[in-house]
Amino acid sequence: MVAISRQPSVIFIDEVKRIYIPLQDANARRLLFKDKLKGSFSLPVRELEKLVQETEGYSGSDLQALCEEAARIPIRELGTNILTVNAN
């Protein structure tokens, strides 16, 4: 992608090698978990706070993957107990 401008306040995208995006703070992680759990599952406040503390240093994609993986655990635990339904 190339961005060119004659204005000195505009960043030239082709000259930028890296853009630093800081990791989420505790409040942002808390809000992310609340949003992901909304409507399907709720955690007691103490467990939510423990999760927020234990995920310090996780990136947004790490947190997303963690939530997706956690959502699959109940399905895996069903194992062979999952029923097969015929369409007929």
C-alpha atoms as a PDB file:
ATOM      1  CA  MET A   1       0.000   0.000   0.000  1.00  0.00           C
ATOM      2  CA  VAL A   2       1.335   3.435  -0.868  1.00  0.00           C
ATOM      3  CA  ALA A   3       0.139   6.695   0.627  1.00  0.00           C
ATOM      4  CA  ILE A   4       1.609   9.910  -0.686  1.00  0.00           C
ATOM      5  CA  SER A   5       0.805  13.451   0.378  1.00  0.00           C
ATOM      6  CA  ARG A   6       2.402  16.859   0.273  1.00  0.00           C
ATOM      7  CA  GLN A   7       1.244  17.546   3.821  1.00  0.00           C
ATOM      8  CA  PRO A   8       4.026  17.037   6.401  1.00  0.00           C
ATOM      9  CA  SER A   9       1.554  15.787   9.018  1.00  0.00           C
ATOM     10  CA  VAL A  10       0.598  12.767   6.909  1.00  0.00           C
ATOM     11  CA  ILE A  11       2.486   9.492   7.395  1.00  0.00           C
ATOM     12  CA  PHE A  12       3.848   7.846   4.272  1.00  0.00           C
ATOM     13  CA  ILE A  13       2.723   4.243   4.601  1.00  0.00           C
ATOM     14  CA  ASP A  14       5.471   2.950   2.298  1.00  0.00           C
ATOM     15  CA  GLU A  15       8.072   4.379   4.694  1.00  0.00           C
ATOM     16  CA  VAL A  16       6.623   2.794   7.824  1.00  0.00           C
ATOM     17  CA  LYS A  17       8.283  -0.509   8.697  1.00  0.00           C
ATOM     18  CA  ARG A  18       6.372  -1.245  11.899  1.00  0.00           C
ATOM     19  CA  ILE A  19       3.518   0.259  13.821  1.00  0.00           C
ATOM     20  CA  TYR A  20       3.506  -0.432  17.547  1.00  0.00           C
ATOM     21  CA  ILE A  21       0.128  -1.423  18.929  1.00  0.00           C
ATOM     22  CA  PRO A  22       0.276  -1.824  22.712  1.00  0.00           C
ATOM     23  CA  LEU A  23      -1.220  -4.831  24.458  1.00  0.00           C
ATOM     24  CA  GLN A  24      -4.587  -4.462  26.143  1.00  0.00           C
ATOM     25  CA  ASP A  25      -4.617  -3.292  29.729  1.00  0.00           C
ATOM     26  CA  ALA A  26      -6.595  -5.122  32.416  1.00  0.00           C
ATOM     27  CA  ASN A  27      -9.775  -3.131  31.795  1.00  0.00           C
ATOM     28  CA  ALA A  28      -9.693  -3.810  28.042  1.00  0.00           C
ATOM     29  CA  ARG A  29      -9.190  -7.541  28.666  1.00  0.00           C
ATOM     30  CA  ARG A  30     -12.070  -7.534  31.173  1.00  0.00           C
ATOM     31  CA  LEU A  31     -14.371  -5.870  28.623  1.00  0.00           C
ATOM     32  CA  LEU A  32     -13.281  -8.289  25.902  1.00  0.00           C
ATOM     33  CA  PHE A  33     -14.064 -11.318  28.074  1.00  0.00           C
ATOM     34  CA  LYS A  34     -17.425  -9.865  29.117  1.00  0.00           C
ATOM     35  CA  ASP A  35     -18.291  -9.257  25.465  1.00  0.00           C
ATOM     36  CA  LYS A  36     -17.259 -12.775  24.408  1.00  0.00           C
ATOM     37  CA  LEU A  37     -19.246 -14.350  27.249  1.00  0.00           C
ATOM     38  CA  LYS A  38     -22.322 -12.169  26.771  1.00  0.00           C
ATOM     39  CA  GLY A  39     -25.495 -14.148  26.221  1.00  0.00           C
ATOM     40  CA  SER A  40     -23.976 -17.601  26.528  1.00  0.00           C
ATOM     41  CA  PHE A  41     -22.073 -17.925  29.767  1.00  0.00           C
ATOM     42  CA  SER A  42     -21.229 -15.862  32.819  1.00  0.00           C
ATOM     43  CA  LEU A  43     -18.271 -16.036  35.154  1.00  0.00           C
ATOM     44  CA  PRO A  44     -18.365 -15.054  38.809  1.00  0.00           C
ATOM     45  CA  VAL A  45     -16.530 -11.761  39.360  1.00  0.00           C
ATOM     46  CA  ARG A  46     -13.666 -13.460  41.192  1.00  0.00           C
ATOM     47  CA  GLU A  47     -13.054 -15.911  38.321  1.00  0.00           C
ATOM     48  CA  LEU A  48     -13.262 -13.128  35.744  1.00  0.00           C
ATOM     49  CA  GLU A  49     -10.681 -11.095  37.673  1.00  0.00           C
ATOM     50  CA  LYS A  50      -8.392 -14.131  37.910  1.00  0.00           C
ATOM     51  CA  LEU A  51      -8.696 -14.630  34.145  1.00  0.00           C
ATOM     52  CA  VAL A  52      -7.889 -10.953  33.555  1.00  0.00           C
ATOM     53  CA  GLN A  53      -4.780 -11.197  35.770  1.00  0.00           C
ATOM     54  CA  GLU A  54      -3.558 -14.443  34.218  1.00  0.00           C
ATOM     55  CA  THR A  55      -3.817 -13.107  30.660  1.00  0.00           C
ATOM     56  CA  GLU A  56      -1.525 -10.132  31.202  1.00  0.00           C
ATOM     57  CA  GLY A  57       0.818  -9.909  28.208  1.00  0.00           C
ATOM     58  CA  TYR A  58      -1.610 -11.655  25.834  1.00  0.00           C
ATOM     59  CA  SER A  59      -2.279 -10.014  22.475  1.00  0.00           C
ATOM     60  CA  GLY A  60      -5.763  -9.468  21.108  1.00  0.00           C
ATOM     61  CA  SER A  61      -5.396 -12.472  18.809  1.00  0.00           C
ATOM     62  CA  ASP A  62      -4.181 -14.577  21.762  1.00  0.00           C
ATOM     63  CA  LEU A  63      -7.301 -13.632  23.723  1.00  0.00           C
ATOM     64  CA  GLN A  64      -9.537 -14.386  20.735  1.00  0.00           C
ATOM     65  CA  ALA A  65      -7.928 -17.826  20.301  1.00  0.00           C
ATOM     66  CA  LEU A  66      -8.267 -18.502  24.031  1.00  0.00           C
ATOM     67  CA  CYS A  67     -11.999 -17.734  23.942  1.00  0.00           C
ATOM     68  CA  GLU A  68     -12.547 -19.872  20.832  1.00  0.00           C
ATOM     69  CA  GLU A  69     -10.626 -22.792  22.321  1.00  0.00           C
ATOM     70  CA  ALA A  70     -12.536 -22.542  25.604  1.00  0.00           C
ATOM     71  CA  ALA A  71     -15.825 -22.619  23.678  1.00  0.00           C
ATOM     72  CA  ARG A  72     -14.831 -25.961  22.112  1.00  0.00           C
ATOM     73  CA  ILE A  73     -14.049 -27.725  25.410  1.00  0.00           C
ATOM     74  CA  PRO A  74     -17.650 -28.840  26.167  1.00  0.00           C
ATOM     75  CA  ILE A  75     -17.952 -30.318  22.664  1.00  0.00           C
ATOM     76  CA  ARG A  76     -14.737 -32.293  23.103  1.00  0.00           C
ATOM     77  CA  GLU A  77     -15.905 -33.553  26.482  1.00  0.00           C
ATOM     78  CA  LEU A  78     -19.014 -35.021  24.860  1.00  0.00           C
ATOM     79  CA  GLY A  79     -16.789 -37.300  22.785  1.00  0.00           C
ATOM     80  CA  THR A  80     -18.697 -40.373  21.684  1.00  0.00           C
ATOM     81  CA  ASN A  81     -21.843 -39.222  23.471  1.00  0.00           C
ATOM     82  CA  ILE A  82     -22.689 -36.917  20.568  1.00  0.00           C
ATOM     83  CA  LEU A  83     -25.774 -38.222  18.813  1.00  0.00           C
ATOM     84  CA  THR A  84     -25.902 -38.648  15.070  1.00  0.00           C
ATOM     85  CA  VAL A  85     -29.103 -37.334  13.547  1.00  0.00           C
ATOM     86  CA  ASN A  86     -30.344 -38.648  10.201  1.00  0.00           C
ATOM     87  CA  ALA A  87     -31.802 -36.107   7.800  1.00  0.00           C
ATOM     88  CA  ASN A  88     -34.554 -38.532   6.702  1.00  0.00           C
END
